[in-house]
Each structure stands twice: as structure tokens, then as C-alpha cells.
PDB file of N, CA and C in Angstrom:
ATOM      1  N   MET A   1    -222.035-191.307  -8.649  1.00  0.00           N
ATOM      2  CA  MET A   1    -221.376-192.222  -7.753  1.00  0.00           C
ATOM      3  C   MET A   1    -220.709-191.393  -6.699  1.00  0.00           C
ATOM      4  N   THR A   2    -220.102-190.306  -7.049  1.00  0.00           N
ATOM      5  CA  THR A   2    -219.437-189.492  -6.009  1.00  0.00           C
ATOM      6  C   THR A   2    -220.466-188.930  -5.018  1.00  0.00           C
ATOM      7  N   GLU A   3    -221.589-188.480  -5.438  1.00  0.00           N
ATOM      8  CA  GLU A   3    -222.645-188.004  -4.552  1.00  0.00           C
ATOM      9  C   GLU A   3    -223.047-189.143  -3.586  1.00  0.00           C
ATOM     10  N   LEU A   4    -223.314-190.278  -4.124  1.00  0.00           N
ATOM     11  CA  LEU A   4    -223.746-191.385  -3.291  1.00  0.00           C
ATOM     12  C   LEU A   4    -222.595-191.771  -2.323  1.00  0.00           C
ATOM     13  N   GLY A   5    -221.355-191.762  -2.710  1.00  0.00           N
ATOM     14  CA  GLY A   5    -220.244-192.012  -1.815  1.00  0.00           C
ATOM     15  C   GLY A   5    -220.271-191.068  -0.610  1.00  0.00           C
ATOM     16  N   TRP A   6    -220.477-189.835  -0.877  1.00  0.00           N
ATOM     17  CA  TRP A   6    -220.473-188.877   0.277  1.00  0.00           C
ATOM     18  C   TRP A   6    -221.760-189.014   1.092  1.00  0.00           C
ATOM     19  N   GLU A   7    -222.803-189.429   0.487  1.00  0.00           N
ATOM     20  CA  GLU A   7    -224.033-189.558   1.222  1.00  0.00           C
ATOM     21  C   GLU A   7    -224.024-190.727   2.277  1.00  0.00           C
ATOM     22  N   ILE A   8    -223.415-191.829   1.866  1.00  0.00           N
ATOM     23  CA  ILE A   8    -223.479-192.990   2.706  1.00  0.00           C
ATOM     24  C   ILE A   8    -222.180-193.463   3.285  1.00  0.00           C
ATOM     25  N   ALA A   9    -221.026-193.051   2.765  1.00  0.00           N
ATOM     26  CA  ALA A   9    -219.764-193.570   3.206  1.00  0.00           C
ATOM     27  C   ALA A   9    -219.084-192.651   4.219  1.00  0.00           C
ATOM     28  N   ASP A  10    -218.048-193.151   4.836  1.00  0.00           N
ATOM     29  CA  ASP A  10    -217.263-192.328   5.807  1.00  0.00           C
ATOM     30  C   ASP A  10    -216.102-191.622   5.068  1.00  0.00           C
ATOM     31  N   GLY A  11    -215.883-192.000   3.879  1.00  0.00           N
ATOM     32  CA  GLY A  11    -214.781-191.388   3.093  1.00  0.00           C
ATOM     33  C   GLY A  11    -214.825-191.816   1.629  1.00  0.00           C
ATOM     34  N   LEU A  12    -213.960-191.196   0.918  1.00  0.00           N
ATOM     35  CA  LEU A  12    -213.930-191.450  -0.574  1.00  0.00           C
ATOM     36  C   LEU A  12    -212.487-191.348  -1.044  1.00  0.00           C
ATOM     37  N   ILE A  13    -212.088-192.349  -1.839  1.00  0.00           N
ATOM     38  CA  ILE A  13    -210.837-192.332  -2.502  1.00  0.00           C
ATOM     39  C   ILE A  13    -211.023-191.903  -3.941  1.00  0.00           C
ATOM     40  N   LEU A  14    -210.495-190.735  -4.232  1.00  0.00           N
ATOM     41  CA  LEU A  14    -210.660-190.202  -5.582  1.00  0.00           C
ATOM     42  C   LEU A  14    -209.694-190.857  -6.554  1.00  0.00           C
ATOM     43  N   HIS A  15    -209.908-190.685  -7.833  1.00  0.00           N
ATOM     44  CA  HIS A  15    -209.058-191.271  -8.813  1.00  0.00           C
ATOM     45  C   HIS A  15    -207.942-190.268  -9.149  1.00  0.00           C
ATOM     46  N   ARG A  16    -206.753-190.770  -9.314  1.00  0.00           N
ATOM     47  CA  ARG A  16    -205.613-189.979  -9.535  1.00  0.00           C
ATOM     48  C   ARG A  16    -205.594-189.285 -10.967  1.00  0.00           C
ATOM     49  N   PHE A  17    -206.408-189.738 -11.793  1.00  0.00           N
ATOM     50  CA  PHE A  17    -206.455-189.198 -13.229  1.00  0.00           C
ATOM     51  C   PHE A  17    -207.269-187.868 -13.293  1.00  0.00           C
ATOM     52  N   LEU A  18    -207.869-187.442 -12.208  1.00  0.00           N
ATOM     53  CA  LEU A  18    -208.679-186.251 -12.260  1.00  0.00           C
ATOM     54  C   LEU A  18    -207.833-184.997 -12.227  1.00  0.00           C
ATOM     55  N   SER A  19    -208.207-184.034 -13.014  1.00  0.00           N
ATOM     56  CA  SER A  19    -207.509-182.766 -13.018  1.00  0.00           C
ATOM     57  C   SER A  19    -208.034-181.864 -11.916  1.00  0.00           C
ATOM     58  N   GLU A  20    -207.313-180.836 -11.702  1.00  0.00           N
ATOM     59  CA  GLU A  20    -207.732-179.791 -10.683  1.00  0.00           C
ATOM     60  C   GLU A  20    -209.055-179.180 -11.108  1.00  0.00           C
ATOM     61  N   ARG A  21    -209.230-178.911 -12.378  1.00  0.00           N
ATOM     62  CA  ARG A  21    -210.459-178.326 -12.894  1.00  0.00           C
ATOM     63  C   ARG A  21    -211.637-179.283 -12.721  1.00  0.00           C
ATOM     64  N   TYR A  22    -211.422-180.595 -13.046  1.00  0.00           N
ATOM     65  CA  TYR A  22    -212.462-181.586 -12.890  1.00  0.00           C
ATOM     66  C   TYR A  22    -212.884-181.718 -11.419  1.00  0.00           C
ATOM     67  N   LEU A  23    -211.894-181.690 -10.525  1.00  0.00           N
ATOM     68  CA  LEU A  23    -212.217-181.712  -9.070  1.00  0.00           C
ATOM     69  C   LEU A  23    -213.084-180.570  -8.695  1.00  0.00           C
ATOM     70  N   ARG A  24    -212.668-179.355  -9.189  1.00  0.00           N
ATOM     71  CA  ARG A  24    -213.331-178.117  -8.742  1.00  0.00           C
ATOM     72  C   ARG A  24    -214.750-178.054  -9.330  1.00  0.00           C
ATOM     73  N   GLU A  25    -214.899-178.403 -10.607  1.00  0.00           N
ATOM     74  CA  GLU A  25    -216.146-178.148 -11.319  1.00  0.00           C
ATOM     75  C   GLU A  25    -217.146-179.393 -11.222  1.00  0.00           C
ATOM     76  N   VAL A  26    -216.622-180.574 -11.024  1.00  0.00           N
ATOM     77  CA  VAL A  26    -217.472-181.767 -11.051  1.00  0.00           C
ATOM     78  C   VAL A  26    -217.522-182.459  -9.629  1.00  0.00           C
ATOM     79  N   THR A  27    -216.332-182.768  -9.153  1.00  0.00           N
ATOM     80  CA  THR A  27    -216.287-183.557  -7.942  1.00  0.00           C
ATOM     81  C   THR A  27    -216.740-182.822  -6.714  1.00  0.00           C
ATOM     82  N   VAL A  28    -216.221-181.575  -6.458  1.00  0.00           N
ATOM     83  CA  VAL A  28    -216.572-180.879  -5.248  1.00  0.00           C
ATOM     84  C   VAL A  28    -218.090-180.589  -5.214  1.00  0.00           C
ATOM     85  N   PRO A  29    -218.749-180.130  -6.251  1.00  0.00           N
ATOM     86  CA  PRO A  29    -220.185-179.955  -6.184  1.00  0.00           C
ATOM     87  C   PRO A  29    -220.968-181.243  -5.863  1.00  0.00           C
ATOM     88  N   SER A  30    -220.480-182.364  -6.472  1.00  0.00           N
ATOM     89  CA  SER A  30    -221.081-183.702  -6.152  1.00  0.00           C
ATOM     90  C   SER A  30    -220.963-184.011  -4.702  1.00  0.00           C
ATOM     91  N   LEU A  31    -219.738-183.747  -4.141  1.00  0.00           N
ATOM     92  CA  LEU A  31    -219.492-183.996  -2.764  1.00  0.00           C
ATOM     93  C   LEU A  31    -220.440-183.183  -1.857  1.00  0.00           C
ATOM     94  N   GLY A  32    -220.650-181.939  -2.226  1.00  0.00           N
ATOM     95  CA  GLY A  32    -221.508-181.011  -1.482  1.00  0.00           C
ATOM     96  C   GLY A  32    -222.963-181.525  -1.466  1.00  0.00           C
ATOM     97  N   ARG A  33    -223.408-182.010  -2.626  1.00  0.00           N
ATOM     98  CA  ARG A  33    -224.830-182.485  -2.676  1.00  0.00           C
ATOM     99  C   ARG A  33    -224.958-183.710  -1.837  1.00  0.00           C
ATOM    100  N   GLY A  34    -224.002-184.632  -1.937  1.00  0.00           N
ATOM    101  CA  GLY A  34    -224.030-185.865  -1.152  1.00  0.00           C
ATOM    102  C   GLY A  34    -224.012-185.587   0.330  1.00  0.00           C
ATOM    103  N   LEU A  35    -223.192-184.695   0.735  1.00  0.00           N
ATOM    104  CA  LEU A  35    -223.056-184.333   2.163  1.00  0.00           C
ATOM    105  C   LEU A  35    -224.389-183.711   2.621  1.00  0.00           C
ATOM    106  N   ALA A  36    -224.980-182.817   1.849  1.00  0.00           N
ATOM    107  CA  ALA A  36    -226.211-182.200   2.246  1.00  0.00           C
ATOM    108  C   ALA A  36    -227.306-183.209   2.498  1.00  0.00           C
ATOM    109  N   ARG A  37    -227.370-184.211   1.668  1.00  0.00           N
ATOM    110  CA  ARG A  37    -228.398-185.265   1.818  1.00  0.00           C
ATOM    111  C   ARG A  37    -228.083-186.124   3.093  1.00  0.00           C
ATOM    112  N   SER A  38    -226.814-186.240   3.459  1.00  0.00           N
ATOM    113  CA  SER A  38    -226.501-187.049   4.625  1.00  0.00           C
ATOM    114  C   SER A  38    -226.595-186.305   5.915  1.00  0.00           C
ATOM    115  N   LYS A  39    -226.718-184.966   5.803  1.00  0.00           N
ATOM    116  CA  LYS A  39    -226.831-184.087   6.928  1.00  0.00           C
ATOM    117  C   LYS A  39    -225.558-184.120   7.747  1.00  0.00           C
ATOM    118  N   ARG A  40    -224.372-184.292   7.064  1.00  0.00           N
ATOM    119  CA  ARG A  40    -223.090-184.307   7.736  1.00  0.00           C
ATOM    120  C   ARG A  40    -222.268-183.099   7.184  1.00  0.00           C
ATOM    121  N   THR A  41    -221.145-182.855   7.853  1.00  0.00           N
ATOM    122  CA  THR A  41    -220.273-181.799   7.393  1.00  0.00           C
ATOM    123  C   THR A  41    -219.003-182.461   6.814  1.00  0.00           C
ATOM    124  N   ALA A  42    -218.224-181.693   6.112  1.00  0.00           N
ATOM    125  CA  ALA A  42    -217.038-182.232   5.496  1.00  0.00           C
ATOM    126  C   ALA A  42    -216.016-182.755   6.583  1.00  0.00           C
ATOM    127  N   SER A  43    -216.051-182.188   7.710  1.00  0.00           N
ATOM    128  CA  SER A  43    -215.128-182.611   8.767  1.00  0.00           C
ATOM    129  C   SER A  43    -215.436-184.030   9.323  1.00  0.00           C
ATOM    130  N   GLN A  44    -216.598-184.537   8.908  1.00  0.00           N
ATOM    131  CA  GLN A  44    -217.012-185.853   9.418  1.00  0.00           C
ATOM    132  C   GLN A  44    -216.633-187.000   8.413  1.00  0.00           C
ATOM    133  N   VAL A  45    -216.081-186.631   7.332  1.00  0.00           N
ATOM    134  CA  VAL A  45    -215.732-187.656   6.304  1.00  0.00           C
ATOM    135  C   VAL A  45    -214.267-187.393   5.857  1.00  0.00           C
ATOM    136  N   GLU A  46    -213.636-188.370   5.210  1.00  0.00           N
ATOM    137  CA  GLU A  46    -212.294-188.318   4.816  1.00  0.00           C
ATOM    138  C   GLU A  46    -212.135-188.464   3.294  1.00  0.00           C
ATOM    139  N   VAL A  47    -211.320-187.659   2.667  1.00  0.00           N
ATOM    140  CA  VAL A  47    -211.005-187.748   1.218  1.00  0.00           C
ATOM    141  C   VAL A  47    -209.551-188.104   1.030  1.00  0.00           C
ATOM    142  N   VAL A  48    -209.321-189.044   0.178  1.00  0.00           N
ATOM    143  CA  VAL A  48    -207.953-189.444  -0.186  1.00  0.00           C
ATOM    144  C   VAL A  48    -207.796-189.213  -1.671  1.00  0.00           C
ATOM    145  N   PHE A  49    -206.751-188.546  -2.030  1.00  0.00           N
ATOM    146  CA  PHE A  49    -206.444-188.236  -3.477  1.00  0.00           C
ATOM    147  C   PHE A  49    -205.054-188.630  -3.743  1.00  0.00           C
ATOM    148  N   PRO A  50    -204.891-189.902  -4.231  1.00  0.00           N
ATOM    149  CA  PRO A  50    -203.535-190.373  -4.553  1.00  0.00           C
ATOM    150  C   PRO A  50    -203.148-189.702  -5.897  1.00  0.00           C
ATOM    151  N   GLU A  51    -201.899-189.196  -5.933  1.00  0.00           N
ATOM    152  CA  GLU A  51    -201.417-188.501  -7.151  1.00  0.00           C
ATOM    153  C   GLU A  51    -200.365-189.330  -7.879  1.00  0.00           C
ATOM    154  N   PHE A  52    -200.102-188.995  -9.080  1.00  0.00           N
ATOM    155  CA  PHE A  52    -198.983-189.579  -9.778  1.00  0.00           C
ATOM    156  C   PHE A  52    -197.709-188.926  -9.263  1.00  0.00           C
ATOM    157  N   VAL A  53    -196.801-189.753  -8.772  1.00  0.00           N
ATOM    158  CA  VAL A  53    -195.579-189.241  -8.260  1.00  0.00           C
ATOM    159  C   VAL A  53    -194.385-190.012  -8.826  1.00  0.00           C
ATOM    160  N   LEU A  54    -193.377-189.225  -9.198  1.00  0.00           N
ATOM    161  CA  LEU A  54    -192.109-189.841  -9.681  1.00  0.00           C
ATOM    162  C   LEU A  54    -191.260-190.032  -8.445  1.00  0.00           C
ATOM    163  N   ASP A  55    -191.108-191.242  -8.025  1.00  0.00           N
ATOM    164  CA  ASP A  55    -190.302-191.519  -6.811  1.00  0.00           C
ATOM    165  C   ASP A  55    -189.088-192.303  -7.220  1.00  0.00           C
ATOM    166  N   SER A  56    -187.944-191.686  -7.294  1.00  0.00           N
ATOM    167  CA  SER A  56    -186.748-192.366  -7.771  1.00  0.00           C
ATOM    168  C   SER A  56    -185.632-192.029  -6.838  1.00  0.00           C
ATOM    169  N   THR A  57    -184.898-193.016  -6.495  1.00  0.00           N
ATOM    170  CA  THR A  57    -183.765-192.830  -5.580  1.00  0.00           C
ATOM    171  C   THR A  57    -182.460-192.474  -6.196  1.00  0.00           C
ATOM    172  N   SER A  58    -182.429-192.529  -7.572  1.00  0.00           N
ATOM    173  CA  SER A  58    -181.180-192.224  -8.287  1.00  0.00           C
ATOM    174  C   SER A  58    -181.502-191.722  -9.696  1.00  0.00           C
ATOM    175  N   GLU A  59    -180.546-191.056 -10.260  1.00  0.00           N
ATOM    176  CA  GLU A  59    -180.708-190.572 -11.653  1.00  0.00           C
ATOM    177  C   GLU A  59    -180.782-191.751 -12.552  1.00  0.00           C
ATOM    178  N   GLU A  60    -180.265-192.935 -12.212  1.00  0.00           N
ATOM    179  CA  GLU A  60    -180.297-194.124 -13.033  1.00  0.00           C
ATOM    180  C   GLU A  60    -181.693-194.692 -13.159  1.00  0.00           C
ATOM    181  N   THR A  61    -182.478-194.615 -12.081  1.00  0.00           N
ATOM    182  CA  THR A  61    -183.778-195.206 -12.052  1.00  0.00           C
ATOM    183  C   THR A  61    -184.862-194.192 -12.493  1.00  0.00           C
ATOM    184  N   TYR A  62    -184.526-192.949 -12.507  1.00  0.00           N
ATOM    185  CA  TYR A  62    -185.509-191.942 -12.843  1.00  0.00           C
ATOM    186  C   TYR A  62    -186.136-192.153 -14.226  1.00  0.00           C
ATOM    187  N   PRO A  63    -185.426-192.396 -15.320  1.00  0.00           N
ATOM    188  CA  PRO A  63    -186.110-192.558 -16.573  1.00  0.00           C
ATOM    189  C   PRO A  63    -187.130-193.688 -16.604  1.00  0.00           C
ATOM    190  N   ARG A  64    -186.841-194.854 -15.948  1.00  0.00           N
ATOM    191  CA  ARG A  64    -187.745-195.919 -15.882  1.00  0.00           C
ATOM    192  C   ARG A  64    -189.008-195.565 -15.070  1.00  0.00           C
ATOM    193  N   THR A  65    -188.803-194.867 -13.972  1.00  0.00           N
ATOM    194  CA  THR A  65    -189.920-194.427 -13.093  1.00  0.00           C
ATOM    195  C   THR A  65    -190.817-193.452 -13.918  1.00  0.00           C
ATOM    196  N   LYS A  66    -190.163-192.556 -14.663  1.00  0.00           N
ATOM    197  CA  LYS A  66    -190.944-191.610 -15.383  1.00  0.00           C
ATOM    198  C   LYS A  66    -191.740-192.300 -16.524  1.00  0.00           C
ATOM    199  N   ASP A  67    -191.171-193.307 -17.161  1.00  0.00           N
ATOM    200  CA  ASP A  67    -191.868-194.104 -18.132  1.00  0.00           C
ATOM    201  C   ASP A  67    -193.008-194.878 -17.599  1.00  0.00           C
ATOM    202  N   ASP A  68    -192.888-195.396 -16.348  1.00  0.00           N
ATOM    203  CA  ASP A  68    -193.933-196.125 -15.688  1.00  0.00           C
ATOM    204  C   ASP A  68    -195.155-195.237 -15.420  1.00  0.00           C
ATOM    205  N   VAL A  69    -194.878-194.013 -14.999  1.00  0.00           N
ATOM    206  CA  VAL A  69    -195.983-193.060 -14.683  1.00  0.00           C
ATOM    207  C   VAL A  69    -196.611-192.636 -16.034  1.00  0.00           C
ATOM    208  N   ARG A  70    -195.793-192.363 -16.987  1.00  0.00           N
ATOM    209  CA  ARG A  70    -196.310-192.001 -18.304  1.00  0.00           C
ATOM    210  C   ARG A  70    -197.184-193.099 -18.860  1.00  0.00           C
ATOM    211  N   ALA A  71    -196.832-194.356 -18.691  1.00  0.00           N
ATOM    212  CA  ALA A  71    -197.655-195.477 -19.195  1.00  0.00           C
ATOM    213  C   ALA A  71    -199.001-195.509 -18.510  1.00  0.00           C
ATOM    214  N   GLN A  72    -199.017-195.211 -17.209  1.00  0.00           N
ATOM    215  CA  GLN A  72    -200.272-195.189 -16.517  1.00  0.00           C
ATOM    216  C   GLN A  72    -201.215-194.099 -17.033  1.00  0.00           C
ATOM    217  N   ILE A  73    -200.613-192.866 -17.227  1.00  0.00           N
ATOM    218  CA  ILE A  73    -201.447-191.793 -17.777  1.00  0.00           C
ATOM    219  C   ILE A  73    -201.966-192.108 -19.126  1.00  0.00           C
ATOM    220  N   VAL A  74    -201.128-192.721 -20.006  1.00  0.00           N
ATOM    221  CA  VAL A  74    -201.578-193.089 -21.348  1.00  0.00           C
ATOM    222  C   VAL A  74    -202.679-194.125 -21.262  1.00  0.00           C
ATOM    223  N   PHE A  75    -202.563-195.065 -20.373  1.00  0.00           N
ATOM    224  CA  PHE A  75    -203.620-196.085 -20.239  1.00  0.00           C
ATOM    225  C   PHE A  75    -204.920-195.407 -19.860  1.00  0.00           C
ATOM    226  N   TYR A  76    -204.959-194.589 -18.880  1.00  0.00           N
ATOM    227  CA  TYR A  76    -206.201-193.955 -18.431  1.00  0.00           C
ATOM    228  C   TYR A  76    -206.735-192.989 -19.543  1.00  0.00           C
ATOM    229  N   GLY A  77    -205.839-192.346 -20.193  1.00  0.00           N
ATOM    230  CA  GLY A  77    -206.278-191.478 -21.294  1.00  0.00           C
ATOM    231  C   GLY A  77    -206.896-192.205 -22.523  1.00  0.00           C
ATOM    232  N   SER A  78    -206.513-193.456 -22.681  1.00  0.00           N
ATOM    233  CA  SER A  78    -207.022-194.185 -23.799  1.00  0.00           C
ATOM    234  C   SER A  78    -208.320-194.945 -23.441  1.00  0.00           C
ATOM    235  N   ALA A  79    -208.569-195.123 -22.167  1.00  0.00           N
ATOM    236  CA  ALA A  79    -209.811-195.881 -21.788  1.00  0.00           C
ATOM    237  C   ALA A  79    -211.035-194.989 -21.916  1.00  0.00           C
ATOM    238  N   HIS A  80    -212.019-195.461 -22.551  1.00  0.00           N
ATOM    239  CA  HIS A  80    -213.250-194.642 -22.791  1.00  0.00           C
ATOM    240  C   HIS A  80    -213.841-194.176 -21.536  1.00  0.00           C
ATOM    241  N   SER A  81    -213.831-194.981 -20.480  1.00  0.00           N
ATOM    242  CA  SER A  81    -214.500-194.613 -19.225  1.00  0.00           C
ATOM    243  C   SER A  81    -213.838-193.338 -18.538  1.00  0.00           C
ATOM    244  N   TYR A  82    -212.666-192.969 -18.980  1.00  0.00           N
ATOM    245  CA  TYR A  82    -212.016-191.771 -18.447  1.00  0.00           C
ATOM    246  C   TYR A  82    -212.123-190.505 -19.375  1.00  0.00           C
ATOM    247  N   HIS A  83    -212.848-190.677 -20.487  1.00  0.00           N
ATOM    248  CA  HIS A  83    -212.928-189.558 -21.370  1.00  0.00           C
ATOM    249  C   HIS A  83    -213.562-188.312 -20.830  1.00  0.00           C
ATOM    250  N   ARG A  84    -214.563-188.518 -19.923  1.00  0.00           N
ATOM    251  CA  ARG A  84    -215.205-187.351 -19.306  1.00  0.00           C
ATOM    252  C   ARG A  84    -214.223-186.488 -18.531  1.00  0.00           C
ATOM    253  N   ALA A  85    -213.305-187.172 -17.853  1.00  0.00           N
ATOM    254  CA  ALA A  85    -212.267-186.428 -17.090  1.00  0.00           C
ATOM    255  C   ALA A  85    -211.398-185.633 -18.063  1.00  0.00           C
ATOM    256  N   LEU A  86    -211.102-186.144 -19.241  1.00  0.00           N
ATOM    257  CA  LEU A  86    -210.323-185.424 -20.206  1.00  0.00           C
ATOM    258  C   LEU A  86    -211.106-184.263 -20.820  1.00  0.00           C
ATOM    259  N   GLU A  87    -212.385-184.465 -20.991  1.00  0.00           N
ATOM    260  CA  GLU A  87    -213.225-183.382 -21.615  1.00  0.00           C
ATOM    261  C   GLU A  87    -213.241-182.135 -20.710  1.00  0.00           C
ATOM    262  N   VAL A  88    -213.228-182.389 -19.420  1.00  0.00           N
ATOM    263  CA  VAL A  88    -213.297-181.231 -18.485  1.00  0.00           C
ATOM    264  C   VAL A  88    -211.915-180.621 -18.164  1.00  0.00           C
ATOM    265  N   SER A  89    -210.851-181.360 -18.493  1.00  0.00           N
ATOM    266  CA  SER A  89    -209.474-180.951 -18.146  1.00  0.00           C
ATOM    267  C   SER A  89    -209.088-179.657 -18.782  1.00  0.00           C
TER     268      SER A  89
END
């Protein structure tokens, strides 16, 4: 799917659950293959990589914000469709 995205789309929004290793070993090579087939360069497409961020304006809200991010990570980690990302991590 990543290859096809780079082959036909103007950009790609990556999933925040991907590790640095997964991006380096799986995603970037896929991007390269897709770009090669499209005969475009990386400068002609856009990549967005939203990350997990703890954004808290006070020490009082920080624990809740941390728990919210932790819950998202647990959800993705428990979903079978994301196991490949965990295997490569």
C-alpha cells in the first residue's frame, strides 16, 4: 500500500504507531520503489508523520494526557493489523 501511495499520490500520511526501525527498514524502501515507478523524485511528494505527543498546559493535566496517549498505544499494540509494526520494532 505504501508503494502504491507513492506511485500514484502527491503525498502520504504515515501512521504514528511506526517505529524508527520500521520506517527505515520497511517504509522508506517501499517509498523508493513507488517513486521509481512513478518517475518522480522525493521532492515532488509530501510525507506527513504525526507523532504521539504529550501536550499538557499544567502539571495537573499531565497525568490525564499521559494516560490518553498510553491508551492509544495500547490499542494499536493490541490490534492484530499492527502486529507487523511491532515485529519490526
